């Protein structure tokens, strides 16, 4: 069978986008998603969105990590979907959509920049010390452990991030891990180990939101704040109580096509 898809990235975080009517209606969703996201035998991506109609809003998003596991929310990907839906003529410049973490709005600022609302983050723990790394569990729509680190080298992030992600404190679902370092110019440098991808990703907007929230609450940093990661920069704005917060960053539609998929691939 042929599966129509679009590939996009947002700040280097890459995604496959599929309209719900084009996703195969068979009992092998996890296997199909794993195959499509495979960088060697599929299209290749950090994750996949199935975009469905919504009775109340412009559309509904179901997000899946590259291992096929469902996740509540992905902010980078949501900006990519927003750009895709706008460029496809399905929505206007401003839109409202549903996710597993609630309803968000987004607005197309230019051909490559999208701003979206973020939910109010919340601490889910006091200070924790998994693997000797002091930090906090923050829910920003997805679950993140944020910890300060002077070492942001990829090997360090991979090795320590994997151990924290698998730590008993966060079982059975595990957790995303965000290492951050505050720069002298007020920007925040962030590296993310993402569960479900099980790698360091080039960017993570919900994780960056968790870091910025923590810095605003614990160190008094004020809006706006710019974060940097290997994929690029994001800008966050927020009020005192984080009841009105946004994330603005790049998004780009890369290409569209059809993937020739056979159920025999999973035999």
Protein backbone atom coordinates (compact mmCIF):
# COMPACT_ATOMS: atom_id res chain seq x y z
CA UNK A 1 0.00 0.00 0.00
CA UNK A 2 1.09 3.57 -0.61
CA UNK A 3 1.11 5.98 2.34
CA UNK A 4 1.10 9.70 1.41
CA UNK A 5 3.25 11.74 3.80
CA UNK A 6 5.02 15.05 4.28
CA UNK A 7 8.42 15.47 5.94
CA UNK A 8 9.22 18.58 7.97
CA UNK A 9 11.65 19.81 10.58
CA UNK A 10 11.40 22.42 13.32
CA UNK A 11 14.71 23.62 14.74
CA UNK A 12 16.35 20.42 13.46
CA UNK A 13 13.79 18.14 15.13
CA UNK A 14 12.36 16.18 12.16
CA UNK A 15 8.92 14.64 11.70
CA UNK A 16 6.70 12.67 9.35
CA UNK A 17 3.18 14.11 8.93
CA UNK A 18 0.29 11.90 7.81
CA UNK A 19 -3.39 12.81 7.52
CA UNK A 20 -5.55 10.31 9.43
CA UNK A 21 -7.42 9.25 6.28
CA UNK A 22 -4.09 8.22 4.74
CA UNK A 23 -2.80 6.14 7.65
CA UNK A 24 -3.34 2.36 7.19
CA UNK A 25 -6.33 1.01 9.12
CA UNK A 26 -4.63 -2.18 10.30
CA UNK A 27 -3.59 -3.54 13.70
CA UNK A 28 0.10 -2.79 13.31
CA UNK A 29 0.34 0.93 14.09
CA UNK A 30 3.45 0.66 16.25
CA UNK A 31 5.31 -1.44 13.66
CA UNK A 32 4.29 0.86 10.81
CA UNK A 33 5.50 3.93 12.70
CA UNK A 34 8.80 2.24 13.59
CA UNK A 35 9.33 1.39 9.92
CA UNK A 36 8.46 4.85 8.63
CA UNK A 37 10.72 6.56 11.19
CA UNK A 38 13.66 4.20 10.54
CA UNK A 39 16.50 6.22 9.03
CA UNK A 40 17.88 3.21 7.13
CA UNK A 41 14.83 1.37 5.79
CA UNK A 42 12.10 4.02 6.04
CA UNK A 43 11.66 7.75 5.61
CA UNK A 44 13.55 8.58 8.80
CA UNK A 45 12.52 10.97 11.58
CA UNK A 46 12.47 11.65 15.32
CA UNK A 47 8.73 11.14 15.37
CA UNK A 48 5.44 10.99 13.48
CA UNK A 49 2.16 12.91 13.63
CA UNK A 50 -1.26 11.60 12.64
CA UNK A 51 -3.44 14.64 11.89
CA UNK A 52 -7.18 14.16 12.38
CA UNK A 53 -10.27 16.37 12.04
CA UNK A 54 -11.60 17.97 15.22
CA UNK A 55 -15.21 18.68 16.07
CA UNK A 56 -14.37 21.80 18.08
CA UNK A 57 -11.04 23.06 16.70
CA UNK A 58 -9.06 23.19 13.46
CA UNK A 59 -7.43 19.78 13.87
CA UNK A 60 -6.30 17.14 16.37
CA UNK A 61 -2.75 15.78 16.75
CA UNK A 62 -1.56 12.36 17.85
CA UNK A 63 2.20 12.26 18.25
CA UNK A 64 4.34 9.11 18.22
CA UNK A 65 8.03 8.73 19.02
CA UNK A 66 10.19 6.91 16.49
CA UNK A 67 9.88 3.69 18.55
CA UNK A 68 6.10 3.77 17.96
CA UNK A 69 5.16 4.88 21.47
CA UNK A 70 2.43 7.53 21.82
CA UNK A 71 3.42 10.78 23.51
CA UNK A 72 1.17 13.52 24.87
CA UNK A 73 2.77 16.45 23.12
CA UNK A 74 5.60 17.71 20.93
CA UNK A 75 5.92 21.47 20.52
CA UNK A 76 8.53 21.52 17.75
CA UNK A 77 6.42 19.12 15.72
CA UNK A 78 3.25 21.09 16.42
CA UNK A 79 4.84 24.14 14.81
CA UNK A 80 5.78 22.00 11.80
CA UNK A 81 2.22 20.67 11.51
CA UNK A 82 0.85 24.21 11.80
CA UNK A 83 2.99 25.34 8.86
CA UNK A 84 1.97 22.28 6.83
CA UNK A 85 -1.74 22.82 7.48
CA UNK A 86 -1.44 26.50 6.56
CA UNK A 87 0.55 25.90 3.38
CA UNK A 88 -1.92 23.16 2.40
CA UNK A 89 -4.75 25.69 2.57
CA UNK A 90 -6.57 23.74 5.28
CA UNK A 91 -6.42 26.53 7.90
CA UNK A 92 -5.80 30.25 8.13
CA UNK A 93 -2.72 32.03 9.46
CA UNK A 94 -4.00 31.57 13.03
CA UNK A 95 -5.28 28.19 14.19
CA UNK A 96 -6.37 26.20 17.25
CA UNK A 97 -5.57 22.52 17.65
CA UNK A 98 -5.87 19.69 20.17
CA UNK A 99 -3.05 17.56 21.58
CA UNK A 100 -2.75 14.93 24.28
CA UNK A 101 -1.73 17.77 26.59
CA UNK A 102 -4.65 20.07 25.81
CA UNK A 103 -5.59 22.79 23.35
CA UNK A 104 -3.03 25.17 21.83
CA UNK A 105 -3.08 28.02 19.33
CA UNK A 106 -0.44 28.81 16.75
CA UNK A 107 0.22 31.58 14.24
CA UNK A 108 2.33 31.63 11.09
CA UNK A 109 4.69 34.60 11.40
CA UNK A 110 6.55 34.05 8.10
CA UNK A 111 7.41 31.27 5.64
CA UNK A 112 9.75 29.75 8.21
CA UNK A 113 8.69 31.07 11.64
CA UNK A 114 5.79 29.89 13.79
CA UNK A 115 4.70 30.98 17.27
CA UNK A 116 2.50 28.82 19.49
CA UNK A 117 0.99 28.87 22.95
CA UNK A 118 2.41 26.64 25.67
CA UNK A 119 0.54 25.16 28.62
CA UNK A 120 1.44 26.29 32.13
CA UNK A 121 4.33 24.07 33.32
CA UNK A 122 4.31 22.59 36.79
CA UNK A 123 6.85 21.03 39.11
CA UNK A 124 6.14 17.37 39.75
CA UNK A 125 8.87 16.89 42.36
CA UNK A 126 11.17 18.51 44.84
CA UNK A 127 14.87 18.35 43.93
CA UNK A 128 15.88 14.86 42.82
CA UNK A 129 19.35 13.36 42.38
CA UNK A 130 19.20 10.45 39.90
CA UNK A 131 22.70 9.28 38.98
CA UNK A 132 24.09 12.10 41.15
CA UNK A 133 22.56 14.80 38.94
CA UNK A 134 20.51 17.34 40.88
CA UNK A 135 17.41 18.51 39.06
CA UNK A 136 13.64 18.71 38.91
CA UNK A 137 10.78 16.83 37.28
CA UNK A 138 8.73 19.36 35.28
CA UNK A 139 5.57 18.68 33.28
CA UNK A 140 5.36 21.14 30.38
CA UNK A 141 2.93 19.06 28.36
CA UNK A 142 5.46 16.23 28.24
CA UNK A 143 7.55 14.98 31.16
CA UNK A 144 11.07 16.38 31.58
CA UNK A 145 13.91 16.17 34.07
CA UNK A 146 15.87 19.43 33.95
CA UNK A 147 19.38 19.66 35.36
CA UNK A 148 22.24 22.14 35.12
CA UNK A 149 25.48 20.90 33.56
CA UNK A 150 28.74 22.50 32.47
CA UNK A 151 29.33 19.52 30.19
CA UNK A 152 27.04 19.50 27.14
CA UNK A 153 29.14 17.21 24.95
CA UNK A 154 27.10 14.68 22.99
CA UNK A 155 28.74 11.59 24.51
CA UNK A 156 28.12 12.90 28.03
CA UNK A 157 24.49 13.76 27.26
CA UNK A 158 23.90 10.35 25.67
CA UNK A 159 25.44 8.29 28.45
CA UNK A 160 24.10 10.18 31.47
CA UNK A 161 20.80 11.02 29.79
CA UNK A 162 20.13 7.35 29.07
CA UNK A 163 20.81 6.36 32.68
CA UNK A 164 18.56 9.11 34.09
CA UNK A 165 15.82 8.27 31.57
CA UNK A 166 15.88 4.66 32.80
CA UNK A 167 16.19 5.49 36.51
CA UNK A 168 13.69 3.83 38.84
CA UNK A 169 12.39 7.24 39.95
CA UNK A 170 10.75 7.70 36.55
CA UNK A 171 9.48 4.20 35.82
CA UNK A 172 7.55 2.74 34.17
CA UNK A 173 7.30 5.40 31.46
CA UNK A 174 10.73 6.98 31.77
CA UNK A 175 11.44 10.67 31.23
CA UNK A 176 13.04 13.12 28.81
CA UNK A 177 16.26 14.66 30.13
CA UNK A 178 17.28 18.27 29.52
CA UNK A 179 20.78 19.45 30.42
CA UNK A 180 21.21 23.24 30.47
CA UNK A 181 23.87 25.89 30.93
CA UNK A 182 23.13 29.58 31.46
CA UNK A 183 25.31 31.84 29.30
CA UNK A 184 26.77 35.19 30.28
CA UNK A 185 24.56 36.92 27.70
CA UNK A 186 21.39 35.55 29.30
CA UNK A 187 20.76 32.86 26.69
CA UNK A 188 20.29 29.26 27.81
CA UNK A 189 22.14 26.44 26.08
CA UNK A 190 20.23 23.13 26.17
CA UNK A 191 20.86 19.51 25.21
CA UNK A 192 18.09 16.91 25.25
CA UNK A 193 18.07 13.15 25.58
CA UNK A 194 14.64 12.09 24.33
CA UNK A 195 12.87 8.92 25.41
CA UNK A 196 11.23 7.03 22.59
CA UNK A 197 13.97 8.25 20.27
CA UNK A 198 16.69 7.14 22.72
CA UNK A 199 19.15 9.65 21.32
CA UNK A 200 20.18 13.25 21.79
CA UNK A 201 17.88 15.27 19.54
CA UNK A 202 18.82 18.57 17.89
CA UNK A 203 16.07 20.46 19.71
CA UNK A 204 13.13 19.98 22.08
CA UNK A 205 10.68 22.84 22.58
CA UNK A 206 8.69 21.31 25.44
CA UNK A 207 11.97 20.46 27.19
CA UNK A 208 13.28 23.97 26.62
CA UNK A 209 10.00 25.27 28.05
CA UNK A 210 10.58 23.16 31.17
CA UNK A 211 14.10 24.58 31.54
CA UNK A 212 12.98 28.19 31.05
CA UNK A 213 10.12 27.71 33.52
CA UNK A 214 12.54 26.33 36.12
CA UNK A 215 14.99 29.21 35.63
CA UNK A 216 12.21 31.78 35.93
CA UNK A 217 10.84 30.22 39.10
CA UNK A 218 14.14 29.39 40.85
CA UNK A 219 16.49 32.10 39.58
CA UNK A 220 14.14 34.94 38.68
CA UNK A 221 14.92 35.07 34.95
CA UNK A 222 12.37 37.25 33.16
CA UNK A 223 10.67 37.17 29.78
CA UNK A 224 11.75 36.97 26.99
CA UNK A 225 14.37 34.21 27.09
CA UNK A 226 16.26 32.75 24.13
CA UNK A 227 17.43 29.15 24.18
CA UNK A 228 20.00 27.57 21.90
CA UNK A 229 20.51 23.95 20.91
CA UNK A 230 22.33 22.20 18.06
CA UNK A 231 19.24 22.76 15.89
CA UNK A 232 19.03 26.51 16.44
CA UNK A 233 17.30 29.09 18.62
CA UNK A 234 13.87 29.36 20.25
CA UNK A 235 12.36 32.39 21.96
CA UNK A 236 10.04 32.11 24.94
CA UNK A 237 7.74 34.74 26.38
CA UNK A 238 5.71 34.38 29.56
CA UNK A 239 3.87 36.34 32.20
CA UNK A 240 4.52 36.12 35.96
CA UNK A 241 2.34 33.07 36.55
CA UNK A 242 3.00 31.41 33.19
CA UNK A 243 -0.69 31.63 32.34
CA UNK A 244 0.20 33.26 29.01
CA UNK A 245 3.34 31.77 27.49
CA UNK A 246 4.58 31.24 23.95
CA UNK A 247 7.36 29.54 22.05
CA UNK A 248 8.51 30.95 18.71
CA UNK A 249 10.90 29.17 16.38
CA UNK A 250 11.64 27.96 12.87
CA UNK A 251 9.78 25.31 10.91
CA UNK A 252 10.26 24.09 7.35
CA UNK A 253 8.39 21.75 5.03
CA UNK A 254 11.03 19.56 3.37
CA UNK A 255 9.19 17.34 0.89
CA UNK A 256 6.14 15.17 0.31
CA UNK A 257 5.82 11.72 -1.21
CA UNK A 258 4.35 8.25 -0.97
CA UNK A 259 5.90 5.39 0.98
CA UNK A 260 5.39 1.92 -0.47
CA UNK A 261 4.50 -0.14 2.58
CA UNK A 262 3.68 -3.83 2.71
CA UNK A 263 2.31 -5.61 5.82
CA UNK A 264 4.71 -8.42 4.97
CA UNK A 265 7.49 -6.11 6.16
CA UNK A 266 6.45 -6.97 9.73
CA UNK A 267 6.29 -10.71 9.27
